[in-house]
N, C-alpha and C. Protein backbone atom coordinates (compact mmCIF):
# COMPACT_ATOMS: atom_id res chain seq x y z
N MET A 1 98.51 73.50 115.39
CA MET A 1 98.64 74.77 116.08
C MET A 1 97.35 75.49 116.08
N ASN A 2 96.80 75.77 117.26
CA ASN A 2 95.48 76.38 117.39
C ASN A 2 95.53 77.86 117.10
N PRO A 3 94.52 78.39 116.33
CA PRO A 3 94.54 79.83 116.10
C PRO A 3 94.30 80.59 117.39
N LYS A 4 94.76 81.83 117.42
CA LYS A 4 94.61 82.75 118.54
C LYS A 4 93.81 83.96 118.12
N THR A 5 93.45 84.76 119.03
CA THR A 5 92.77 86.04 118.76
C THR A 5 93.73 87.18 119.02
N PRO A 6 93.48 88.35 118.45
CA PRO A 6 94.35 89.53 118.71
C PRO A 6 94.46 89.86 120.19
N LYS A 7 93.38 89.68 120.97
CA LYS A 7 93.41 90.02 122.39
C LYS A 7 94.42 89.14 123.13
N ASP A 8 94.74 87.98 122.62
CA ASP A 8 95.74 87.12 123.25
C ASP A 8 97.13 87.76 123.29
N SER A 9 97.37 88.65 122.33
CA SER A 9 98.66 89.30 122.24
C SER A 9 98.66 90.70 122.71
N LEU A 10 97.55 91.20 123.24
CA LEU A 10 97.41 92.60 123.65
C LEU A 10 98.53 92.93 124.66
N THR A 11 99.22 94.05 124.36
CA THR A 11 100.29 94.56 125.24
C THR A 11 100.00 96.06 125.46
N ILE A 12 100.05 96.44 126.69
CA ILE A 12 99.85 97.84 127.09
C ILE A 12 100.99 98.32 127.93
N LEU A 13 101.65 99.34 127.41
CA LEU A 13 102.79 99.94 128.16
C LEU A 13 102.40 101.39 128.51
N THR A 14 102.49 101.75 129.76
CA THR A 14 102.14 103.12 130.15
C THR A 14 103.32 103.72 130.89
N ASP A 15 103.68 104.93 130.53
CA ASP A 15 104.82 105.59 131.12
C ASP A 15 104.61 107.13 131.06
N MET A 16 105.50 107.84 131.71
CA MET A 16 105.46 109.31 131.71
C MET A 16 106.65 109.86 130.88
N VAL A 17 106.39 110.91 130.18
CA VAL A 17 107.46 111.59 129.38
C VAL A 17 108.29 112.45 130.33
N LEU A 18 109.59 112.14 130.40
CA LEU A 18 110.55 112.87 131.29
C LEU A 18 111.34 113.84 130.45
N PRO A 19 111.85 114.94 131.08
CA PRO A 19 112.60 115.99 130.36
C PRO A 19 113.73 115.47 129.52
N GLY A 20 114.44 114.46 129.94
CA GLY A 20 115.56 113.92 129.18
C GLY A 20 115.19 113.20 127.91
N GLU A 21 113.88 112.97 127.67
CA GLU A 21 113.40 112.26 126.52
C GLU A 21 112.80 113.22 125.47
N THR A 22 112.98 114.55 125.69
CA THR A 22 112.31 115.51 124.84
C THR A 22 113.28 116.28 124.00
N ASN A 23 112.71 116.95 122.96
CA ASN A 23 113.53 117.82 122.03
C ASN A 23 113.51 119.24 122.58
N ALA A 24 113.96 120.15 121.75
CA ALA A 24 114.05 121.57 122.11
C ALA A 24 112.69 122.23 122.36
N LEU A 25 111.62 121.62 121.86
CA LEU A 25 110.29 122.07 122.10
C LEU A 25 109.62 121.45 123.28
N ASN A 26 110.35 120.65 124.04
CA ASN A 26 109.85 119.91 125.21
C ASN A 26 108.77 118.90 124.83
N ASN A 27 108.89 118.33 123.64
CA ASN A 27 108.03 117.26 123.17
C ASN A 27 108.87 115.98 123.09
N LEU A 28 108.25 114.84 123.28
CA LEU A 28 108.90 113.54 123.25
C LEU A 28 109.55 113.32 121.86
N PHE A 29 110.84 112.91 121.86
CA PHE A 29 111.53 112.60 120.64
C PHE A 29 110.75 111.55 119.86
N GLY A 30 110.65 111.65 118.56
CA GLY A 30 110.01 110.67 117.73
C GLY A 30 110.68 109.28 117.84
N GLY A 31 112.03 109.31 117.98
CA GLY A 31 112.73 108.04 118.14
C GLY A 31 112.40 107.30 119.40
N GLU A 32 112.08 108.09 120.45
CA GLU A 32 111.68 107.52 121.76
C GLU A 32 110.34 106.83 121.60
N ILE A 33 109.42 107.50 120.86
CA ILE A 33 108.11 106.85 120.64
C ILE A 33 108.28 105.58 119.83
N LEU A 34 109.14 105.64 118.81
CA LEU A 34 109.36 104.42 118.01
C LEU A 34 109.94 103.26 118.86
N ALA A 35 110.84 103.58 119.78
CA ALA A 35 111.42 102.54 120.61
C ALA A 35 110.35 101.91 121.51
N ARG A 36 109.48 102.75 122.05
CA ARG A 36 108.42 102.23 122.91
C ARG A 36 107.43 101.36 122.09
N MET A 37 107.16 101.81 120.85
CA MET A 37 106.28 101.00 120.02
C MET A 37 106.92 99.68 119.62
N ASP A 38 108.23 99.72 119.37
CA ASP A 38 108.95 98.47 118.99
C ASP A 38 108.95 97.51 120.17
N ARG A 39 109.15 97.98 121.38
CA ARG A 39 109.10 97.12 122.57
C ARG A 39 107.72 96.48 122.76
N ALA A 40 106.67 97.29 122.67
CA ALA A 40 105.33 96.74 122.85
C ALA A 40 105.05 95.72 121.72
N SER A 41 105.35 96.05 120.51
CA SER A 41 105.11 95.18 119.37
C SER A 41 105.85 93.83 119.55
N SER A 42 107.08 93.94 120.04
CA SER A 42 107.87 92.70 120.26
C SER A 42 107.22 91.83 121.29
N ILE A 43 106.69 92.38 122.36
CA ILE A 43 106.00 91.60 123.37
C ILE A 43 104.73 90.96 122.76
N SER A 44 103.97 91.75 121.93
CA SER A 44 102.80 91.15 121.34
C SER A 44 103.13 89.99 120.39
N ALA A 45 104.16 90.15 119.62
CA ALA A 45 104.61 89.08 118.68
C ALA A 45 105.06 87.86 119.48
N GLN A 46 105.76 88.08 120.56
CA GLN A 46 106.25 86.97 121.41
C GLN A 46 105.06 86.29 122.08
N ARG A 47 104.14 87.05 122.59
CA ARG A 47 102.92 86.43 123.19
C ARG A 47 102.16 85.56 122.19
N HIS A 48 102.08 86.03 120.95
CA HIS A 48 101.33 85.32 119.90
C HIS A 48 102.06 84.03 119.53
N SER A 49 103.36 84.14 119.26
CA SER A 49 104.13 83.01 118.71
C SER A 49 104.74 82.11 119.76
N ARG A 50 104.94 82.66 121.00
CA ARG A 50 105.61 81.89 122.04
C ARG A 50 107.01 81.54 121.59
N ARG A 51 107.65 82.45 120.81
CA ARG A 51 109.01 82.24 120.27
C ARG A 51 109.81 83.50 120.42
N ILE A 52 111.12 83.37 120.09
CA ILE A 52 111.99 84.53 119.98
C ILE A 52 111.46 85.24 118.72
N VAL A 53 111.42 86.59 118.74
CA VAL A 53 110.94 87.32 117.58
C VAL A 53 111.93 88.46 117.29
N VAL A 54 111.98 88.76 115.97
CA VAL A 54 112.85 89.86 115.52
C VAL A 54 112.06 90.84 114.65
N THR A 55 112.38 92.10 114.79
CA THR A 55 111.74 93.10 113.99
C THR A 55 112.19 92.94 112.54
N ALA A 56 111.20 92.77 111.63
CA ALA A 56 111.53 92.63 110.19
C ALA A 56 111.39 93.96 109.47
N SER A 57 110.34 94.73 109.91
CA SER A 57 110.13 96.04 109.27
C SER A 57 109.23 96.90 110.12
N VAL A 58 109.36 98.19 109.89
CA VAL A 58 108.42 99.17 110.40
C VAL A 58 107.73 99.64 109.14
N ASN A 59 106.46 99.20 108.94
CA ASN A 59 105.77 99.45 107.69
C ASN A 59 105.12 100.80 107.56
N HIS A 60 104.79 101.34 108.71
CA HIS A 60 104.03 102.60 108.67
C HIS A 60 104.12 103.25 110.06
N VAL A 61 104.32 104.55 110.07
CA VAL A 61 104.28 105.29 111.31
C VAL A 61 103.64 106.62 110.99
N ALA A 62 102.68 107.07 111.81
CA ALA A 62 102.03 108.37 111.65
C ALA A 62 102.08 109.13 112.95
N PHE A 63 102.81 110.22 112.93
CA PHE A 63 102.85 111.12 114.09
C PHE A 63 101.79 112.20 113.88
N THR A 64 100.72 112.20 114.67
CA THR A 64 99.62 113.16 114.48
C THR A 64 99.55 114.27 115.46
N LYS A 65 100.24 114.10 116.61
CA LYS A 65 100.14 115.15 117.63
C LYS A 65 101.41 115.05 118.49
N ALA A 66 101.93 116.23 118.86
CA ALA A 66 103.12 116.24 119.74
C ALA A 66 102.78 115.71 121.13
N VAL A 67 103.78 115.13 121.78
CA VAL A 67 103.58 114.56 123.12
C VAL A 67 104.46 115.38 124.06
N PRO A 68 103.87 116.27 124.85
CA PRO A 68 104.66 117.20 125.71
C PRO A 68 105.20 116.48 126.94
N VAL A 69 106.29 117.10 127.44
CA VAL A 69 106.91 116.59 128.68
C VAL A 69 105.83 116.52 129.80
N GLY A 70 105.93 115.48 130.59
CA GLY A 70 104.98 115.24 131.68
C GLY A 70 103.77 114.45 131.27
N SER A 71 103.57 114.23 129.93
CA SER A 71 102.38 113.46 129.48
C SER A 71 102.47 112.01 129.94
N VAL A 72 101.34 111.44 130.20
CA VAL A 72 101.17 110.02 130.42
C VAL A 72 100.91 109.40 129.05
N VAL A 73 101.83 108.52 128.65
CA VAL A 73 101.76 107.90 127.29
C VAL A 73 101.41 106.46 127.46
N THR A 74 100.42 105.96 126.68
CA THR A 74 100.11 104.55 126.67
C THR A 74 100.28 104.00 125.26
N VAL A 75 101.03 102.95 125.15
CA VAL A 75 101.28 102.25 123.88
C VAL A 75 100.49 100.95 123.93
N GLU A 76 99.61 100.72 122.96
CA GLU A 76 98.85 99.50 122.93
C GLU A 76 99.11 98.76 121.59
N SER A 77 99.48 97.50 121.70
CA SER A 77 99.75 96.75 120.47
C SER A 77 99.12 95.40 120.49
N LYS A 78 98.86 94.86 119.34
CA LYS A 78 98.39 93.45 119.24
C LYS A 78 98.57 93.01 117.81
N VAL A 79 98.67 91.70 117.66
CA VAL A 79 98.83 91.09 116.37
C VAL A 79 97.56 91.31 115.55
N SER A 80 97.73 91.86 114.33
CA SER A 80 96.57 92.06 113.42
C SER A 80 96.45 90.93 112.45
N ARG A 81 97.54 90.25 112.07
CA ARG A 81 97.47 89.09 111.21
C ARG A 81 98.77 88.32 111.34
N ALA A 82 98.62 87.00 111.20
CA ALA A 82 99.79 86.09 111.24
C ALA A 82 99.89 85.40 109.86
N PHE A 83 101.11 85.29 109.36
CA PHE A 83 101.36 84.64 108.13
C PHE A 83 102.10 83.32 108.47
N ARG A 84 103.00 82.85 107.63
CA ARG A 84 103.73 81.66 107.94
C ARG A 84 104.59 81.77 109.19
N SER A 85 105.54 82.66 109.14
CA SER A 85 106.46 82.91 110.25
C SER A 85 106.41 84.38 110.67
N SER A 86 105.76 85.20 109.92
CA SER A 86 105.71 86.63 110.24
C SER A 86 104.35 87.03 110.80
N MET A 87 104.41 88.14 111.54
CA MET A 87 103.18 88.69 112.18
C MET A 87 103.19 90.20 111.96
N GLU A 88 102.03 90.71 111.58
CA GLU A 88 101.83 92.15 111.52
C GLU A 88 101.26 92.59 112.85
N ILE A 89 101.85 93.60 113.45
CA ILE A 89 101.40 94.13 114.75
C ILE A 89 100.97 95.55 114.54
N PHE A 90 99.79 95.89 114.96
CA PHE A 90 99.29 97.25 114.88
C PHE A 90 99.47 97.90 116.26
N VAL A 91 100.00 99.12 116.22
CA VAL A 91 100.31 99.81 117.48
C VAL A 91 99.59 101.21 117.49
N ASP A 92 98.96 101.47 118.59
CA ASP A 92 98.30 102.73 118.78
C ASP A 92 98.93 103.42 120.03
N VAL A 93 99.20 104.73 119.92
CA VAL A 93 99.82 105.50 120.99
C VAL A 93 98.81 106.57 121.48
N TRP A 94 98.60 106.65 122.74
CA TRP A 94 97.63 107.55 123.30
C TRP A 94 98.32 108.42 124.37
N ILE A 95 97.81 109.64 124.56
CA ILE A 95 98.19 110.42 125.73
C ILE A 95 96.92 110.70 126.52
N GLU A 96 97.11 110.95 127.79
CA GLU A 96 95.96 111.09 128.73
C GLU A 96 95.98 112.47 129.30
N ASP A 97 94.85 113.17 129.27
CA ASP A 97 94.76 114.48 129.89
C ASP A 97 94.75 114.34 131.42
N ARG A 98 95.58 115.11 132.04
CA ARG A 98 95.77 115.02 133.52
C ARG A 98 94.46 115.20 134.24
N GLU A 99 93.67 116.17 133.86
CA GLU A 99 92.45 116.50 134.62
C GLU A 99 91.31 115.63 134.24
N SER A 100 90.98 115.54 132.96
CA SER A 100 89.77 114.83 132.52
C SER A 100 90.02 113.32 132.32
N GLN A 101 91.28 112.94 132.21
CA GLN A 101 91.72 111.57 131.94
C GLN A 101 91.22 111.14 130.53
N GLU A 102 90.81 112.10 129.70
CA GLU A 102 90.41 111.77 128.32
C GLU A 102 91.65 111.40 127.53
N ARG A 103 91.50 110.35 126.72
CA ARG A 103 92.63 109.90 125.93
C ARG A 103 92.58 110.45 124.50
N THR A 104 93.75 110.79 123.99
CA THR A 104 93.86 111.27 122.59
C THR A 104 94.88 110.44 121.88
N LYS A 105 94.54 109.93 120.70
CA LYS A 105 95.46 109.16 119.90
C LYS A 105 96.45 110.10 119.28
N VAL A 106 97.76 109.82 119.48
CA VAL A 106 98.80 110.73 118.99
C VAL A 106 99.68 110.06 117.90
N ASN A 107 99.60 108.76 117.81
CA ASN A 107 100.52 108.05 116.90
C ASN A 107 99.96 106.69 116.64
N GLU A 108 100.28 106.11 115.48
CA GLU A 108 100.06 104.70 115.16
C GLU A 108 101.11 104.19 114.28
N GLY A 109 101.24 102.88 114.30
CA GLY A 109 102.25 102.30 113.48
C GLY A 109 101.92 100.84 113.21
N ILE A 110 102.61 100.27 112.23
CA ILE A 110 102.47 98.90 111.84
C ILE A 110 103.80 98.30 111.75
N TYR A 111 104.11 97.25 112.54
CA TYR A 111 105.39 96.61 112.59
C TYR A 111 105.21 95.18 112.10
N THR A 112 106.26 94.62 111.54
CA THR A 112 106.29 93.22 111.16
C THR A 112 107.42 92.51 111.91
N PHE A 113 107.08 91.42 112.55
CA PHE A 113 108.04 90.62 113.28
C PHE A 113 108.05 89.21 112.70
N VAL A 114 109.18 88.53 112.85
CA VAL A 114 109.32 87.18 112.41
C VAL A 114 109.70 86.36 113.62
N ALA A 115 109.05 85.21 113.79
CA ALA A 115 109.37 84.28 114.87
C ALA A 115 110.51 83.39 114.43
N VAL A 116 111.49 83.20 115.30
CA VAL A 116 112.62 82.38 114.92
C VAL A 116 113.02 81.42 116.02
N ASP A 117 113.74 80.38 115.66
CA ASP A 117 114.26 79.48 116.70
C ASP A 117 115.59 80.00 117.19
N ARG A 118 116.27 79.23 118.06
CA ARG A 118 117.48 79.72 118.69
C ARG A 118 118.64 79.90 117.70
N THR A 119 118.51 79.42 116.50
CA THR A 119 119.53 79.59 115.47
C THR A 119 119.22 80.72 114.53
N GLY A 120 118.03 81.36 114.73
CA GLY A 120 117.61 82.44 113.86
C GLY A 120 116.82 82.00 112.65
N THR A 121 116.49 80.75 112.60
CA THR A 121 115.68 80.21 111.43
C THR A 121 114.20 80.52 111.72
N PRO A 122 113.54 81.10 110.70
CA PRO A 122 112.09 81.39 110.88
C PRO A 122 111.29 80.09 111.17
N VAL A 123 110.29 80.23 112.04
CA VAL A 123 109.42 79.14 112.42
C VAL A 123 107.97 79.54 112.27
N LYS A 124 107.14 78.54 112.10
CA LYS A 124 105.74 78.74 111.87
C LYS A 124 105.07 79.34 113.09
N VAL A 125 104.07 80.18 112.88
CA VAL A 125 103.27 80.79 113.97
C VAL A 125 101.81 80.47 113.84
N PRO A 126 101.08 80.52 114.91
CA PRO A 126 99.63 80.23 114.85
C PRO A 126 98.87 81.25 114.03
N ALA A 127 97.81 80.81 113.41
CA ALA A 127 96.91 81.74 112.69
C ALA A 127 96.21 82.64 113.69
N ILE A 128 95.53 83.62 113.16
CA ILE A 128 94.80 84.51 114.07
C ILE A 128 93.36 84.64 113.62
N THR A 129 92.47 84.74 114.52
CA THR A 129 91.05 84.93 114.27
C THR A 129 90.59 86.27 114.85
N PRO A 130 90.37 87.26 113.97
CA PRO A 130 89.90 88.56 114.51
C PRO A 130 88.51 88.47 114.99
N GLU A 131 88.20 89.30 116.01
CA GLU A 131 86.87 89.27 116.61
C GLU A 131 86.09 90.56 116.44
N THR A 132 86.70 91.67 116.70
CA THR A 132 85.99 92.97 116.59
C THR A 132 85.98 93.50 115.18
N LYS A 133 85.17 94.52 114.95
CA LYS A 133 85.13 95.12 113.64
C LYS A 133 86.47 95.69 113.22
N LEU A 134 87.14 96.43 114.17
CA LEU A 134 88.45 96.99 113.91
C LEU A 134 89.49 95.90 113.67
N GLU A 135 89.45 94.86 114.43
CA GLU A 135 90.40 93.74 114.24
C GLU A 135 90.21 93.09 112.84
N LYS A 136 88.94 92.98 112.41
CA LYS A 136 88.66 92.39 111.08
C LYS A 136 89.14 93.33 109.97
N GLU A 137 88.96 94.66 110.13
CA GLU A 137 89.47 95.60 109.13
C GLU A 137 90.98 95.50 109.02
N ARG A 138 91.63 95.47 110.17
CA ARG A 138 93.12 95.46 110.16
C ARG A 138 93.57 94.14 109.59
N TYR A 139 92.90 93.03 109.90
CA TYR A 139 93.26 91.69 109.38
C TYR A 139 93.15 91.70 107.84
N GLU A 140 92.03 92.18 107.35
CA GLU A 140 91.79 92.24 105.88
C GLU A 140 92.87 93.09 105.18
N GLY A 141 93.20 94.20 105.74
CA GLY A 141 94.17 95.07 105.13
C GLY A 141 95.61 94.58 105.18
N ALA A 142 95.85 93.66 106.13
CA ALA A 142 97.22 93.17 106.32
C ALA A 142 97.83 92.48 105.11
N LEU A 143 97.05 91.68 104.39
CA LEU A 143 97.52 91.00 103.21
C LEU A 143 97.91 91.99 102.10
N ARG A 144 97.04 93.02 101.99
CA ARG A 144 97.38 94.07 100.97
C ARG A 144 98.67 94.81 101.33
N ARG A 145 98.80 95.11 102.64
CA ARG A 145 100.03 95.82 103.09
C ARG A 145 101.25 94.94 102.91
N LYS A 146 101.10 93.67 103.11
CA LYS A 146 102.25 92.77 102.92
C LYS A 146 102.62 92.68 101.46
N GLN A 147 101.60 92.54 100.62
CA GLN A 147 101.88 92.48 99.15
C GLN A 147 102.52 93.77 98.66
N LEU A 148 102.03 94.89 99.14
CA LEU A 148 102.64 96.18 98.71
C LEU A 148 104.10 96.24 99.12
N SER A 149 104.40 95.84 100.35
CA SER A 149 105.75 95.87 100.82
C SER A 149 106.62 94.93 100.01
N LEU A 150 106.14 93.75 99.65
CA LEU A 150 106.92 92.82 98.83
C LEU A 150 107.15 93.36 97.44
N VAL A 151 106.13 94.00 96.84
CA VAL A 151 106.31 94.58 95.55
C VAL A 151 107.30 95.72 95.55
N LEU A 152 107.24 96.55 96.53
CA LEU A 152 108.14 97.69 96.65
C LEU A 152 109.58 97.27 96.89
N SER A 153 109.76 96.14 97.58
CA SER A 153 111.11 95.62 97.86
C SER A 153 111.61 94.73 96.74
N GLY A 154 110.81 94.49 95.70
CA GLY A 154 111.23 93.69 94.59
C GLY A 154 111.14 92.20 94.84
N LYS A 155 110.50 91.79 95.93
CA LYS A 155 110.38 90.39 96.26
C LYS A 155 109.11 89.70 95.68
N MET A 156 108.26 90.55 95.08
CA MET A 156 107.08 90.03 94.43
C MET A 156 106.82 90.87 93.20
N LYS A 157 106.43 90.19 92.15
CA LYS A 157 106.03 90.91 90.89
C LYS A 157 104.68 91.57 91.11
N PRO A 158 104.50 92.79 90.54
CA PRO A 158 103.23 93.44 90.71
C PRO A 158 102.03 92.57 90.19
N SER A 159 102.31 91.82 89.16
CA SER A 159 101.25 90.94 88.59
C SER A 159 100.83 89.82 89.52
N GLU A 160 101.63 89.53 90.54
CA GLU A 160 101.32 88.48 91.52
C GLU A 160 100.59 89.03 92.75
N ALA A 161 100.50 90.27 92.84
CA ALA A 161 99.84 90.95 94.03
C ALA A 161 98.34 90.95 93.86
N THR A 162 97.74 89.81 94.04
CA THR A 162 96.29 89.62 93.79
C THR A 162 95.43 90.50 94.65
N GLU A 163 95.75 90.68 95.89
CA GLU A 163 94.94 91.51 96.76
C GLU A 163 95.01 92.97 96.35
N LEU A 164 96.17 93.41 95.94
CA LEU A 164 96.33 94.82 95.47
C LEU A 164 95.55 95.04 94.20
N LYS A 165 95.57 94.09 93.29
CA LYS A 165 94.83 94.21 92.05
C LYS A 165 93.35 94.37 92.28
N LYS A 166 92.81 93.68 93.30
CA LYS A 166 91.37 93.77 93.60
C LYS A 166 90.93 95.21 93.90
N LEU A 167 91.89 96.05 94.42
CA LEU A 167 91.54 97.43 94.72
C LEU A 167 91.24 98.26 93.47
N PHE A 168 91.76 97.79 92.34
CA PHE A 168 91.62 98.56 91.12
C PHE A 168 90.68 97.95 90.14
N HIS A 169 90.03 96.86 90.47
CA HIS A 169 89.06 96.23 89.59
C HIS A 169 87.67 96.28 90.13
């Protein structure tokens, strides 16, 4: 299985925020942003693995700015690291100023997907080779994030989390 690059899985979804998708403050519901992020991440994982994929976890979400009704929202996702059958997908959410077209990052998240066959059994996915500085940073951090998640869920002993231990030595 040949390694791929993050750009091979790049997914960009652009849409407008409509009134029916907003809360009492006329800002996009957080759940609506999460759904859009999940869809984009799913496509990225599918592009990378060329398999059916399922959401395994939402590891991190940061809402940094409200998204008002009428905003043009762009969700960008790509695989940041591939493991045996799982893939970490990093998602960035941007809004665009109507007049200047300047983009502002309003949200980010990290999702984990698992590639499966038609019976739901996990299958191996290609490795990933990061190219840009940001891709390399996200790639390096992915193993620490995975180990932290496994420790917190009780699936890994803290003493086995070698990448996390390196942060403290």
